Amino acid sequence: MTEAYIITLAQNSLLLVAVVAGPVLLSGMAVGVLVSLLQAATQITEPTLTFVPKVFAIGLVLILFGSWMAQQLVAFTVGLFTSLPTLVR
């Protein structure tokens, strides 16, 4: 196991985390911005008004992209586990 392989593995892991978490984070951010603009326009300052739409948006994204996210994570894990015997030597 070389240092270059460990660095590549760490880079791939971080990239996978960003790709898998991206849709959830972006949807939450987009809904948060839209609700904040709505609150600023109507001068309503209710904290739960931002929370509930974010929960629904994130839930919808998880329903839509959940299987794809799981496939990405499983593929990475299988690749990592299949390369373990060669790394131990």
PDB file of N, CA and C in Angstrom:
ATOM      1  N   MET A   1       0.855  -1.168   0.000  1.00  0.00           N
ATOM      2  CA  MET A   1       0.000   0.000   0.000  1.00  0.00           C
ATOM      3  C   MET A   1       0.904   1.236   0.000  1.00  0.00           C
ATOM      4  N   THR A   2       0.817   1.994  -1.046  1.00  0.00           N
ATOM      5  CA  THR A   2       1.677   3.164  -1.167  1.00  0.00           C
ATOM      6  C   THR A   2       0.941   4.420  -0.710  1.00  0.00           C
ATOM      7  N   GLU A   3       1.731   5.462  -0.521  1.00  0.00           N
ATOM      8  CA  GLU A   3       1.133   6.733  -0.121  1.00  0.00           C
ATOM      9  C   GLU A   3       0.250   7.291  -1.227  1.00  0.00           C
ATOM     10  N   ALA A   4       0.651   7.084  -2.464  1.00  0.00           N
ATOM     11  CA  ALA A   4      -0.137   7.586  -3.595  1.00  0.00           C
ATOM     12  C   ALA A   4      -1.509   6.920  -3.632  1.00  0.00           C
ATOM     13  N   TYR A   5      -1.553   5.630  -3.334  1.00  0.00           N
ATOM     14  CA  TYR A   5      -2.843   4.933  -3.326  1.00  0.00           C
ATOM     15  C   TYR A   5      -3.735   5.454  -2.211  1.00  0.00           C
ATOM     16  N   ILE A   6      -3.156   5.697  -1.056  1.00  0.00           N
ATOM     17  CA  ILE A   6      -3.935   6.212   0.070  1.00  0.00           C
ATOM     18  C   ILE A   6      -4.480   7.599  -0.249  1.00  0.00           C
ATOM     19  N   ILE A   7      -3.663   8.433  -0.874  1.00  0.00           N
ATOM     20  CA  ILE A   7      -4.116   9.775  -1.252  1.00  0.00           C
ATOM     21  C   ILE A   7      -5.225   9.685  -2.291  1.00  0.00           C
ATOM     22  N   THR A   8      -5.059   8.796  -3.274  1.00  0.00           N
ATOM     23  CA  THR A   8      -6.094   8.612  -4.295  1.00  0.00           C
ATOM     24  C   THR A   8      -7.385   8.100  -3.668  1.00  0.00           C
ATOM     25  N   LEU A   9      -7.269   7.174  -2.745  1.00  0.00           N
ATOM     26  CA  LEU A   9      -8.446   6.642  -2.059  1.00  0.00           C
ATOM     27  C   LEU A   9      -9.158   7.733  -1.257  1.00  0.00           C
ATOM     28  N   ALA A  10      -8.389   8.567  -0.577  1.00  0.00           N
ATOM     29  CA  ALA A  10      -8.986   9.669   0.186  1.00  0.00           C
ATOM     30  C   ALA A  10      -9.670  10.669  -0.742  1.00  0.00           C
ATOM     31  N   GLN A  11      -9.034  10.971  -1.873  1.00  0.00           N
ATOM     32  CA  GLN A  11      -9.640  11.895  -2.838  1.00  0.00           C
ATOM     33  C   GLN A  11     -10.938  11.325  -3.399  1.00  0.00           C
ATOM     34  N   ASN A  12     -10.912  10.051  -3.763  1.00  0.00           N
ATOM     35  CA  ASN A  12     -12.122   9.418  -4.295  1.00  0.00           C
ATOM     36  C   ASN A  12     -13.235   9.366  -3.248  1.00  0.00           C
ATOM     37  N   SER A  13     -12.856   9.136  -2.004  1.00  0.00           N
ATOM     38  CA  SER A  13     -13.853   9.103  -0.927  1.00  0.00           C
ATOM     39  C   SER A  13     -14.508  10.464  -0.745  1.00  0.00           C
ATOM     40  N   LEU A  14     -13.699  11.511  -0.724  1.00  0.00           N
ATOM     41  CA  LEU A  14     -14.250  12.853  -0.552  1.00  0.00           C
ATOM     42  C   LEU A  14     -15.097  13.270  -1.743  1.00  0.00           C
ATOM     43  N   LEU A  15     -14.673  12.888  -2.942  1.00  0.00           N
ATOM     44  CA  LEU A  15     -15.462  13.196  -4.136  1.00  0.00           C
ATOM     45  C   LEU A  15     -16.802  12.469  -4.094  1.00  0.00           C
ATOM     46  N   LEU A  16     -16.784  11.217  -3.670  1.00  0.00           N
ATOM     47  CA  LEU A  16     -18.027  10.450  -3.565  1.00  0.00           C
ATOM     48  C   LEU A  16     -18.972  11.075  -2.544  1.00  0.00           C
ATOM     49  N   VAL A  17     -18.436  11.499  -1.424  1.00  0.00           N
ATOM     50  CA  VAL A  17     -19.271  12.145  -0.405  1.00  0.00           C
ATOM     51  C   VAL A  17     -19.895  13.418  -0.961  1.00  0.00           C
ATOM     52  N   ALA A  18     -19.113  14.205  -1.693  1.00  0.00           N
ATOM     53  CA  ALA A  18     -19.645  15.442  -2.274  1.00  0.00           C
ATOM     54  C   ALA A  18     -20.721  15.154  -3.314  1.00  0.00           C
ATOM     55  N   VAL A  19     -20.499  14.143  -4.139  1.00  0.00           N
ATOM     56  CA  VAL A  19     -21.464  13.813  -5.192  1.00  0.00           C
ATOM     57  C   VAL A  19     -22.749  13.247  -4.593  1.00  0.00           C
ATOM     58  N   VAL A  20     -22.619  12.411  -3.584  1.00  0.00           N
ATOM     59  CA  VAL A  20     -23.806  11.789  -2.985  1.00  0.00           C
ATOM     60  C   VAL A  20     -24.588  12.794  -2.135  1.00  0.00           C
ATOM     61  N   ALA A  21     -23.889  13.633  -1.397  1.00  0.00           N
ATOM     62  CA  ALA A  21     -24.577  14.594  -0.529  1.00  0.00           C
ATOM     63  C   ALA A  21     -25.027  15.840  -1.282  1.00  0.00           C
ATOM     64  N   GLY A  22     -24.495  16.062  -2.466  1.00  0.00           N
ATOM     65  CA  GLY A  22     -24.798  17.270  -3.222  1.00  0.00           C
ATOM     66  C   GLY A  22     -26.268  17.526  -3.479  1.00  0.00           C
ATOM     67  N   PRO A  23     -27.002  16.571  -4.031  1.00  0.00           N
ATOM     68  CA  PRO A  23     -28.424  16.837  -4.300  1.00  0.00           C
ATOM     69  C   PRO A  23     -29.227  17.188  -3.047  1.00  0.00           C
ATOM     70  N   VAL A  24     -28.927  16.531  -1.950  1.00  0.00           N
ATOM     71  CA  VAL A  24     -29.658  16.804  -0.710  1.00  0.00           C
ATOM     72  C   VAL A  24     -29.329  18.206  -0.203  1.00  0.00           C
ATOM     73  N   LEU A  25     -28.047  18.540  -0.191  1.00  0.00           N
ATOM     74  CA  LEU A  25     -27.646  19.848   0.313  1.00  0.00           C
ATOM     75  C   LEU A  25     -28.127  20.979  -0.584  1.00  0.00           C
ATOM     76  N   LEU A  26     -28.033  20.777  -1.897  1.00  0.00           N
ATOM     77  CA  LEU A  26     -28.463  21.825  -2.824  1.00  0.00           C
ATOM     78  C   LEU A  26     -29.970  22.054  -2.763  1.00  0.00           C
ATOM     79  N   SER A  27     -30.731  20.982  -2.632  1.00  0.00           N
ATOM     80  CA  SER A  27     -32.184  21.165  -2.536  1.00  0.00           C
ATOM     81  C   SER A  27     -32.557  21.878  -1.242  1.00  0.00           C
ATOM     82  N   GLY A  28     -31.919  21.519  -0.159  1.00  0.00           N
ATOM     83  CA  GLY A  28     -32.184  22.203   1.108  1.00  0.00           C
ATOM     84  C   GLY A  28     -31.807  23.673   1.052  1.00  0.00           C
ATOM     85  N   MET A  29     -30.675  23.959   0.398  1.00  0.00           N
ATOM     86  CA  MET A  29     -30.250  25.345   0.273  1.00  0.00           C
ATOM     87  C   MET A  29     -31.199  26.141  -0.621  1.00  0.00           C
ATOM     88  N   ALA A  30     -31.607  25.546  -1.742  1.00  0.00           N
ATOM     89  CA  ALA A  30     -32.500  26.248  -2.668  1.00  0.00           C
ATOM     90  C   ALA A  30     -33.844  26.552  -2.012  1.00  0.00           C
ATOM     91  N   VAL A  31     -34.399  25.582  -1.319  1.00  0.00           N
ATOM     92  CA  VAL A  31     -35.680  25.803  -0.642  1.00  0.00           C
ATOM     93  C   VAL A  31     -35.513  26.828   0.473  1.00  0.00           C
ATOM     94  N   GLY A  32     -34.402  26.775   1.180  1.00  0.00           N
ATOM     95  CA  GLY A  32     -34.151  27.753   2.241  1.00  0.00           C
ATOM     96  C   GLY A  32     -34.065  29.172   1.711  1.00  0.00           C
ATOM     97  N   VAL A  33     -33.396  29.342   0.572  1.00  0.00           N
ATOM     98  CA  VAL A  33     -33.290  30.675  -0.029  1.00  0.00           C
ATOM     99  C   VAL A  33     -34.656  31.164  -0.499  1.00  0.00           C
ATOM    100  N   LEU A  34     -35.413  30.284  -1.147  1.00  0.00           N
ATOM    101  CA  LEU A  34     -36.743  30.685  -1.619  1.00  0.00           C
ATOM    102  C   LEU A  34     -37.669  31.070  -0.466  1.00  0.00           C
ATOM    103  N   VAL A  35     -37.648  30.290   0.585  1.00  0.00           N
ATOM    104  CA  VAL A  35     -38.503  30.595   1.733  1.00  0.00           C
ATOM    105  C   VAL A  35     -38.030  31.876   2.418  1.00  0.00           C
ATOM    106  N   SER A  36     -36.726  32.086   2.484  1.00  0.00           N
ATOM    107  CA  SER A  36     -36.210  33.319   3.085  1.00  0.00           C
ATOM    108  C   SER A  36     -36.611  34.540   2.275  1.00  0.00           C
ATOM    109  N   LEU A  37     -36.573  34.416   0.949  1.00  0.00           N
ATOM    110  CA  LEU A  37     -37.031  35.524   0.105  1.00  0.00           C
ATOM    111  C   LEU A  37     -38.519  35.791   0.320  1.00  0.00           C
ATOM    112  N   LEU A  38     -39.290  34.731   0.431  1.00  0.00           N
ATOM    113  CA  LEU A  38     -40.721  34.878   0.695  1.00  0.00           C
ATOM    114  C   LEU A  38     -40.961  35.536   2.054  1.00  0.00           C
ATOM    115  N   GLN A  39     -40.189  35.135   3.043  1.00  0.00           N
ATOM    116  CA  GLN A  39     -40.330  35.733   4.370  1.00  0.00           C
ATOM    117  C   GLN A  39     -39.927  37.204   4.357  1.00  0.00           C
ATOM    118  N   ALA A  40     -38.872  37.530   3.614  1.00  0.00           N
ATOM    119  CA  ALA A  40     -38.443  38.925   3.537  1.00  0.00           C
ATOM    120  C   ALA A  40     -39.481  39.778   2.818  1.00  0.00           C
ATOM    121  N   ALA A  41     -40.104  39.211   1.800  1.00  0.00           N
ATOM    122  CA  ALA A  41     -41.108  39.971   1.051  1.00  0.00           C
ATOM    123  C   ALA A  41     -42.377  40.191   1.868  1.00  0.00           C
ATOM    124  N   THR A  42     -42.746  39.208   2.668  1.00  0.00           N
ATOM    125  CA  THR A  42     -43.987  39.320   3.444  1.00  0.00           C
ATOM    126  C   THR A  42     -43.754  39.740   4.890  1.00  0.00           C
ATOM    127  N   GLN A  43     -42.506  39.856   5.297  1.00  0.00           N
ATOM    128  CA  GLN A  43     -42.106  40.232   6.657  1.00  0.00           C
ATOM    129  C   GLN A  43     -42.656  39.276   7.713  1.00  0.00           C
ATOM    130  N   ILE A  44     -42.717  38.009   7.355  1.00  0.00           N
ATOM    131  CA  ILE A  44     -43.100  36.964   8.308  1.00  0.00           C
ATOM    132  C   ILE A  44     -41.810  36.351   8.838  1.00  0.00           C
ATOM    133  N   THR A  45     -41.656  36.310  10.145  1.00  0.00           N
ATOM    134  CA  THR A  45     -40.430  35.762  10.738  1.00  0.00           C
ATOM    135  C   THR A  45     -40.768  34.557  11.606  1.00  0.00           C
ATOM    136  N   GLU A  46     -41.255  33.543  10.992  1.00  0.00           N
ATOM    137  CA  GLU A  46     -41.600  32.308  11.703  1.00  0.00           C
ATOM    138  C   GLU A  46     -40.513  31.276  11.425  1.00  0.00           C
ATOM    139  N   PRO A  47     -39.785  30.820  12.447  1.00  0.00           N
ATOM    140  CA  PRO A  47     -38.684  29.868  12.215  1.00  0.00           C
ATOM    141  C   PRO A  47     -39.135  28.532  11.628  1.00  0.00           C
ATOM    142  N   THR A  48     -40.307  28.079  12.002  1.00  0.00           N
ATOM    143  CA  THR A  48     -40.758  26.786  11.480  1.00  0.00           C
ATOM    144  C   THR A  48     -41.132  26.866  10.013  1.00  0.00           C
ATOM    145  N   LEU A  49     -41.356  28.066   9.519  1.00  0.00           N
ATOM    146  CA  LEU A  49     -41.704  28.231   8.113  1.00  0.00           C
ATOM    147  C   LEU A  49     -40.540  27.845   7.205  1.00  0.00           C
ATOM    148  N   THR A  50     -39.311  27.987   7.681  1.00  0.00           N
ATOM    149  CA  THR A  50     -38.163  27.566   6.874  1.00  0.00           C
ATOM    150  C   THR A  50     -37.862  26.086   7.058  1.00  0.00           C
ATOM    151  N   PHE A  51     -38.171  25.557   8.222  1.00  0.00           N
ATOM    152  CA  PHE A  51     -37.806  24.173   8.526  1.00  0.00           C
ATOM    153  C   PHE A  51     -38.668  23.158   7.786  1.00  0.00           C
ATOM    154  N   VAL A  52     -39.959  23.342   7.805  1.00  0.00           N
ATOM    155  CA  VAL A  52     -40.883  22.351   7.239  1.00  0.00           C
ATOM    156  C   VAL A  52     -40.695  22.170   5.729  1.00  0.00           C
ATOM    157  N   PRO A  53     -40.609  23.243   4.927  1.00  0.00           N
ATOM    158  CA  PRO A  53     -40.383  23.027   3.486  1.00  0.00           C
ATOM    159  C   PRO A  53     -39.048  22.350   3.184  1.00  0.00           C
ATOM    160  N   LYS A  54     -38.022  22.657   3.991  1.00  0.00           N
ATOM    161  CA  LYS A  54     -36.725  22.000   3.788  1.00  0.00           C
ATOM    162  C   LYS A  54     -36.835  20.499   4.035  1.00  0.00           C
ATOM    163  N   VAL A  55     -37.548  20.114   5.075  1.00  0.00           N
ATOM    164  CA  VAL A  55     -37.714  18.691   5.381  1.00  0.00           C
ATOM    165  C   VAL A  55     -38.430  17.981   4.243  1.00  0.00           C
ATOM    166  N   PHE A  56     -39.480  18.595   3.720  1.00  0.00           N
ATOM    167  CA  PHE A  56     -40.205  17.984   2.605  1.00  0.00           C
ATOM    168  C   PHE A  56     -39.340  17.902   1.350  1.00  0.00           C
ATOM    169  N   ALA A  57     -38.575  18.961   1.063  1.00  0.00           N
ATOM    170  CA  ALA A  57     -37.720  18.961  -0.130  1.00  0.00           C
ATOM    171  C   ALA A  57     -36.625  17.908  -0.015  1.00  0.00           C
ATOM    172  N   ILE A  58     -36.011  17.816   1.146  1.00  0.00           N
ATOM    173  CA  ILE A  58     -34.952  16.826   1.343  1.00  0.00           C
ATOM    174  C   ILE A  58     -35.528  15.417   1.289  1.00  0.00           C
ATOM    175  N   GLY A  59     -36.700  15.222   1.856  1.00  0.00           N
ATOM    176  CA  GLY A  59     -37.353  13.912   1.767  1.00  0.00           C
ATOM    177  C   GLY A  59     -37.656  13.527   0.335  1.00  0.00           C
ATOM    178  N   LEU A  60     -38.139  14.478  -0.454  1.00  0.00           N
ATOM    179  CA  LEU A  60     -38.425  14.215  -1.865  1.00  0.00           C
ATOM    180  C   LEU A  60     -37.157  13.868  -2.634  1.00  0.00           C
ATOM    181  N   VAL A  61     -36.078  14.603  -2.367  1.00  0.00           N
ATOM    182  CA  VAL A  61     -34.808  14.312  -3.042  1.00  0.00           C
ATOM    183  C   VAL A  61     -34.297  12.933  -2.640  1.00  0.00           C
ATOM    184  N   LEU A  62     -34.436  12.577  -1.380  1.00  0.00           N
ATOM    185  CA  LEU A  62     -34.004  11.248  -0.946  1.00  0.00           C
ATOM    186  C   LEU A  62     -34.839  10.149  -1.586  1.00  0.00           C
ATOM    187  N   ILE A  63     -36.127  10.400  -1.771  1.00  0.00           N
ATOM    188  CA  ILE A  63     -36.971   9.412  -2.443  1.00  0.00           C
ATOM    189  C   ILE A  63     -36.558   9.267  -3.902  1.00  0.00           C
ATOM    190  N   LEU A  64     -36.293  10.403  -4.559  1.00  0.00           N
ATOM    191  CA  LEU A  64     -35.955  10.373  -5.982  1.00  0.00           C
ATOM    192  C   LEU A  64     -34.545   9.848  -6.248  1.00  0.00           C
ATOM    193  N   PHE A  65     -33.572  10.267  -5.434  1.00  0.00           N
ATOM    194  CA  PHE A  65     -32.177   9.933  -5.692  1.00  0.00           C
ATOM    195  C   PHE A  65     -31.604   8.896  -4.735  1.00  0.00           C
ATOM    196  N   GLY A  66     -32.415   8.387  -3.813  1.00  0.00           N
ATOM    197  CA  GLY A  66     -31.902   7.468  -2.801  1.00  0.00           C
ATOM    198  C   GLY A  66     -31.286   6.206  -3.365  1.00  0.00           C
ATOM    199  N   SER A  67     -31.931   5.610  -4.363  1.00  0.00           N
ATOM    200  CA  SER A  67     -31.377   4.373  -4.928  1.00  0.00           C
ATOM    201  C   SER A  67     -30.069   4.648  -5.662  1.00  0.00           C
ATOM    202  N   TRP A  68     -29.988   5.780  -6.348  1.00  0.00           N
ATOM    203  CA  TRP A  68     -28.742   6.136  -7.032  1.00  0.00           C
ATOM    204  C   TRP A  68     -27.625   6.378  -6.019  1.00  0.00           C
ATOM    205  N   MET A  69     -27.946   7.060  -4.917  1.00  0.00           N
ATOM    206  CA  MET A  69     -26.954   7.304  -3.871  1.00  0.00           C
ATOM    207  C   MET A  69     -26.453   5.988  -3.283  1.00  0.00           C
ATOM    208  N   ALA A  70     -27.377   5.084  -3.017  1.00  0.00           N
ATOM    209  CA  ALA A  70     -26.995   3.784  -2.463  1.00  0.00           C
ATOM    210  C   ALA A  70     -26.138   3.002  -3.447  1.00  0.00           C
ATOM    211  N   GLN A  71     -26.468   3.056  -4.738  1.00  0.00           N
ATOM    212  CA  GLN A  71     -25.667   2.363  -5.749  1.00  0.00           C
ATOM    213  C   GLN A  71     -24.243   2.898  -5.772  1.00  0.00           C
ATOM    214  N   GLN A  72     -24.094   4.214  -5.694  1.00  0.00           N
ATOM    215  CA  GLN A  72     -22.760   4.812  -5.702  1.00  0.00           C
ATOM    216  C   GLN A  72     -21.954   4.363  -4.484  1.00  0.00           C
ATOM    217  N   LEU A  73     -22.580   4.387  -3.325  1.00  0.00           N
ATOM    218  CA  LEU A  73     -21.884   3.993  -2.103  1.00  0.00           C
ATOM    219  C   LEU A  73     -21.533   2.507  -2.102  1.00  0.00           C
ATOM    220  N   VAL A  74     -22.447   1.669  -2.576  1.00  0.00           N
ATOM    221  CA  VAL A  74     -22.186   0.228  -2.625  1.00  0.00           C
ATOM    222  C   VAL A  74     -21.082  -0.076  -3.630  1.00  0.00           C
ATOM    223  N   ALA A  75     -21.092   0.578  -4.780  1.00  0.00           N
ATOM    224  CA  ALA A  75     -20.050   0.347  -5.784  1.00  0.00           C
ATOM    225  C   ALA A  75     -18.679   0.734  -5.240  1.00  0.00           C
ATOM    226  N   PHE A  76     -18.599   1.840  -4.534  1.00  0.00           N
ATOM    227  CA  PHE A  76     -17.322   2.251  -3.952  1.00  0.00           C
ATOM    228  C   PHE A  76     -16.867   1.262  -2.888  1.00  0.00           C
ATOM    229  N   THR A  77     -17.790   0.828  -2.040  1.00  0.00           N
ATOM    230  CA  THR A  77     -17.446  -0.108  -0.976  1.00  0.00           C
ATOM    231  C   THR A  77     -17.018  -1.458  -1.534  1.00  0.00           C
ATOM    232  N   VAL A  78     -17.719  -1.945  -2.544  1.00  0.00           N
ATOM    233  CA  VAL A  78     -17.342  -3.222  -3.167  1.00  0.00           C
ATOM    234  C   VAL A  78     -15.963  -3.108  -3.800  1.00  0.00           C
ATOM    235  N   GLY A  79     -15.709  -2.005  -4.483  1.00  0.00           N
ATOM    236  CA  GLY A  79     -14.388  -1.796  -5.070  1.00  0.00           C
ATOM    237  C   GLY A  79     -13.294  -1.751  -4.019  1.00  0.00           C
ATOM    238  N   LEU A  80     -13.584  -1.129  -2.906  1.00  0.00           N
ATOM    239  CA  LEU A  80     -12.615  -1.054  -1.821  1.00  0.00           C
ATOM    240  C   LEU A  80     -12.365  -2.425  -1.206  1.00  0.00           C
ATOM    241  N   PHE A  81     -13.437  -3.177  -0.959  1.00  0.00           N
ATOM    242  CA  PHE A  81     -13.277  -4.499  -0.356  1.00  0.00           C
ATOM    243  C   PHE A  81     -12.608  -5.491  -1.304  1.00  0.00           C
ATOM    244  N   THR A  82     -12.861  -5.390  -2.592  1.00  0.00           N
ATOM    245  CA  THR A  82     -12.213  -6.308  -3.531  1.00  0.00           C
ATOM    246  C   THR A  82     -10.735  -5.984  -3.700  1.00  0.00           C
ATOM    247  N   SER A  83     -10.339  -4.752  -3.442  1.00  0.00           N
ATOM    248  CA  SER A  83      -8.922  -4.408  -3.560  1.00  0.00           C
ATOM    249  C   SER A  83      -8.153  -4.654  -2.263  1.00  0.00           C
ATOM    250  N   LEU A  84      -8.833  -4.993  -1.192  1.00  0.00           N
ATOM    251  CA  LEU A  84      -8.159  -5.223   0.087  1.00  0.00           C
ATOM    252  C   LEU A  84      -7.134  -6.359   0.052  1.00  0.00           C
ATOM    253  N   PRO A  85      -7.417  -7.505  -0.549  1.00  0.00           N
ATOM    254  CA  PRO A  85      -6.404  -8.571  -0.540  1.00  0.00           C
ATOM    255  C   PRO A  85      -5.091  -8.165  -1.209  1.00  0.00           C
ATOM    256  N   THR A  86      -5.165  -7.372  -2.251  1.00  0.00           N
ATOM    257  CA  THR A  86      -3.921  -6.939  -2.902  1.00  0.00           C
ATOM    258  C   THR A  86      -3.221  -5.860  -2.096  1.00  0.00           C
ATOM    259  N   LEU A  87      -3.942  -5.131  -1.288  1.00  0.00           N
ATOM    260  CA  LEU A  87      -3.334  -4.073  -0.491  1.00  0.00           C
ATOM    261  C   LEU A  87      -2.618  -4.613   0.736  1.00  0.00           C
ATOM    262  N   VAL A  88      -3.068  -5.741   1.238  1.00  0.00           N
ATOM    263  CA  VAL A  88      -2.489  -6.303   2.455  1.00  0.00           C
ATOM    264  C   VAL A  88      -1.106  -6.886   2.198  1.00  0.00           C
ATOM    265  N   ARG A  89      -0.892  -7.356   1.000  1.00  0.00           N
ATOM    266  CA  ARG A  89       0.398  -7.992   0.689  1.00  0.00           C
ATOM    267  C   ARG A  89       1.548  -7.063   0.785  1.00  0.00           C
TER     268      ARG A  89
END
